[in-house]
Amino acid sequence: MDGKLDKETMPYFISHPQHGYHNVYTPEDLLAHEKNGWVLVSGPTQQIPAEPAQTEPTQPVEPVVLDIYARYEKAFGKKPHHRMLPKTIEAALKGKG
């Protein structure tokens, strides 16, 4: 192999609304991922976007969510993991109480 990418070795760039972005290298892997909600962003015959498109619009953090973070920190003595969803934090707080 001369180090150059061709259609057989170029990755498929896929996106998932919950998991972000991923590369797969075979059409079989691409089909398997598409069955699980992944979407093809680019492949050997397409161009990779300069900046990946956002899957969800960015929304401001509501005061209620900030309150949940403060309650979690007070109950557990540390901030929640940055990827914890408010519903997960709420469930942890109910289990603590």
C-alpha atoms as a PDB file:
ATOM      1  CA  MET A   1       0.000   0.000   0.000  1.00  0.00           C
ATOM      2  CA  ASP A   2       1.386   3.402  -0.949  1.00  0.00           C
ATOM      3  CA  GLY A   3      -0.323   5.334   1.879  1.00  0.00           C
ATOM      4  CA  LYS A   4      -2.964   6.877  -0.381  1.00  0.00           C
ATOM      5  CA  LEU A   5      -6.668   6.436   0.248  1.00  0.00           C
ATOM      6  CA  ASP A   6      -8.843   5.012  -2.484  1.00  0.00           C
ATOM      7  CA  LYS A   7     -12.523   4.103  -2.638  1.00  0.00           C
ATOM      8  CA  GLU A   8     -11.892   0.743  -0.945  1.00  0.00           C
ATOM      9  CA  THR A   9     -10.002   2.180   2.044  1.00  0.00           C
ATOM     10  CA  MET A  10     -11.714   5.537   2.519  1.00  0.00           C
ATOM     11  CA  PRO A  11     -13.931   5.695   5.595  1.00  0.00           C
ATOM     12  CA  TYR A  12     -17.636   6.358   5.695  1.00  0.00           C
ATOM     13  CA  PHE A  13     -18.306   9.288   8.034  1.00  0.00           C
ATOM     14  CA  ILE A  14     -21.563   8.654   9.930  1.00  0.00           C
ATOM     15  CA  SER A  15     -23.575  10.599  12.481  1.00  0.00           C
ATOM     16  CA  HIS A  16     -25.988   9.671  15.288  1.00  0.00           C
ATOM     17  CA  PRO A  17     -28.148  12.179  17.205  1.00  0.00           C
ATOM     18  CA  GLN A  18     -27.195  10.677  20.570  1.00  0.00           C
ATOM     19  CA  HIS A  19     -23.678   9.312  19.996  1.00  0.00           C
ATOM     20  CA  GLY A  20     -22.125  11.931  17.704  1.00  0.00           C
ATOM     21  CA  TYR A  21     -19.814  10.962  14.832  1.00  0.00           C
ATOM     22  CA  HIS A  22     -18.015   7.772  13.859  1.00  0.00           C
ATOM     23  CA  ASN A  23     -16.061   6.290  10.938  1.00  0.00           C
ATOM     24  CA  VAL A  24     -16.711   2.880   9.398  1.00  0.00           C
ATOM     25  CA  TYR A  25     -14.646   1.326   6.650  1.00  0.00           C
ATOM     26  CA  THR A  26     -16.853  -1.229   4.910  1.00  0.00           C
ATOM     27  CA  PRO A  27     -20.283  -1.056   3.287  1.00  0.00           C
ATOM     28  CA  GLU A  28     -21.387  -3.951   5.529  1.00  0.00           C
ATOM     29  CA  ASP A  29     -20.537  -1.955   8.678  1.00  0.00           C
ATOM     30  CA  LEU A  30     -22.313   1.057   7.219  1.00  0.00           C
ATOM     31  CA  LEU A  31     -25.520  -0.943   6.647  1.00  0.00           C
ATOM     32  CA  ALA A  32     -25.370  -2.409  10.174  1.00  0.00           C
ATOM     33  CA  HIS A  33     -24.946   1.057  11.715  1.00  0.00           C
ATOM     34  CA  GLU A  34     -27.745   2.550   9.591  1.00  0.00           C
ATOM     35  CA  LYS A  35     -30.122  -0.067  11.045  1.00  0.00           C
ATOM     36  CA  ASN A  36     -29.282   1.366  14.491  1.00  0.00           C
ATOM     37  CA  GLY A  37     -30.050   4.995  13.660  1.00  0.00           C
ATOM     38  CA  TRP A  38     -26.722   6.177  12.219  1.00  0.00           C
ATOM     39  CA  VAL A  39     -26.876   8.427   9.145  1.00  0.00           C
ATOM     40  CA  LEU A  40     -24.278   8.626   6.384  1.00  0.00           C
ATOM     41  CA  VAL A  41     -22.680  12.070   6.310  1.00  0.00           C
ATOM     42  CA  SER A  42     -20.040  11.310   3.692  1.00  0.00           C
ATOM     43  CA  GLY A  43     -18.410   8.374   2.012  1.00  0.00           C
ATOM     44  CA  PRO A  44     -15.862   7.518  -0.640  1.00  0.00           C
ATOM     45  CA  THR A  45     -17.823   9.395  -3.314  1.00  0.00           C
ATOM     46  CA  GLN A  46     -18.818  12.333  -1.080  1.00  0.00           C
ATOM     47  CA  GLN A  47     -16.907  15.133   0.589  1.00  0.00           C
ATOM     48  CA  ILE A  48     -16.556  15.363   4.375  1.00  0.00           C
ATOM     49  CA  PRO A  49     -18.147  18.617   5.584  1.00  0.00           C
ATOM     50  CA  ALA A  50     -15.739  21.269   6.812  1.00  0.00           C
ATOM     51  CA  GLU A  51     -17.696  21.537  10.052  1.00  0.00           C
ATOM     52  CA  PRO A  52     -20.165  18.838  11.135  1.00  0.00           C
ATOM     53  CA  ALA A  53     -23.752  20.039  11.237  1.00  0.00           C
ATOM     54  CA  GLN A  54     -25.390  20.158  14.639  1.00  0.00           C
ATOM     55  CA  THR A  55     -27.997  17.457  15.104  1.00  0.00           C
ATOM     56  CA  GLU A  56     -29.986  19.495  17.604  1.00  0.00           C
ATOM     57  CA  PRO A  57     -30.298  23.254  17.967  1.00  0.00           C
ATOM     58  CA  THR A  58     -28.435  24.691  20.926  1.00  0.00           C
ATOM     59  CA  GLN A  59     -30.827  25.844  23.595  1.00  0.00           C
ATOM     60  CA  PRO A  60     -30.107  27.990  26.646  1.00  0.00           C
ATOM     61  CA  VAL A  61     -29.978  26.185  29.991  1.00  0.00           C
ATOM     62  CA  GLU A  62     -33.183  26.762  31.914  1.00  0.00           C
ATOM     63  CA  PRO A  63     -33.069  27.861  35.577  1.00  0.00           C
ATOM     64  CA  VAL A  64     -34.855  24.626  36.573  1.00  0.00           C
ATOM     65  CA  VAL A  65     -31.947  22.594  35.178  1.00  0.00           C
ATOM     66  CA  LEU A  66     -29.440  24.763  37.035  1.00  0.00           C
ATOM     67  CA  ASP A  67     -31.417  24.099  40.221  1.00  0.00           C
ATOM     68  CA  ILE A  68     -31.164  20.342  39.642  1.00  0.00           C
ATOM     69  CA  TYR A  69     -27.378  20.662  39.273  1.00  0.00           C
ATOM     70  CA  ALA A  70     -27.174  22.643  42.532  1.00  0.00           C
ATOM     71  CA  ARG A  71     -29.342  20.091  44.370  1.00  0.00           C
ATOM     72  CA  TYR A  72     -27.179  17.230  43.080  1.00  0.00           C
ATOM     73  CA  GLU A  73     -23.994  18.960  44.194  1.00  0.00           C
ATOM     74  CA  LYS A  74     -25.469  19.597  47.646  1.00  0.00           C
ATOM     75  CA  ALA A  75     -26.659  15.977  48.008  1.00  0.00           C
ATOM     76  CA  PHE A  76     -23.544  14.223  46.696  1.00  0.00           C
ATOM     77  CA  GLY A  77     -20.804  16.753  47.436  1.00  0.00           C
ATOM     78  CA  LYS A  78     -19.703  16.949  43.798  1.00  0.00           C
ATOM     79  CA  LYS A  79     -21.013  18.184  40.475  1.00  0.00           C
ATOM     80  CA  PRO A  80     -22.827  15.664  38.272  1.00  0.00           C
ATOM     81  CA  HIS A  81     -20.955  14.188  35.330  1.00  0.00           C
ATOM     82  CA  HIS A  82     -21.096  16.631  32.430  1.00  0.00           C
ATOM     83  CA  ARG A  83     -23.016  14.152  30.267  1.00  0.00           C
ATOM     84  CA  MET A  84     -25.716  13.320  32.836  1.00  0.00           C
ATOM     85  CA  LEU A  85     -29.167  14.277  31.650  1.00  0.00           C
ATOM     86  CA  PRO A  86     -31.498  16.215  33.965  1.00  0.00           C
ATOM     87  CA  LYS A  87     -33.865  13.206  34.166  1.00  0.00           C
ATOM     88  CA  THR A  88     -30.949  10.992  35.294  1.00  0.00           C
ATOM     89  CA  ILE A  89     -29.921  13.564  37.899  1.00  0.00           C
ATOM     90  CA  GLU A  90     -33.525  13.753  39.126  1.00  0.00           C
ATOM     91  CA  ALA A  91     -33.653   9.953  39.468  1.00  0.00           C
ATOM     92  CA  ALA A  92     -30.394   9.958  41.444  1.00  0.00           C
ATOM     93  CA  LEU A  93     -31.774  12.643  43.747  1.00  0.00           C
ATOM     94  CA  LYS A  94     -34.978  10.618  44.335  1.00  0.00           C
ATOM     95  CA  GLY A  95     -32.872   7.553  45.201  1.00  0.00           C
ATOM     96  CA  LYS A  96     -30.756   9.590  47.619  1.00  0.00           C
ATOM     97  CA  GLY A  97     -33.730  11.068  49.466  1.00  0.00           C
END
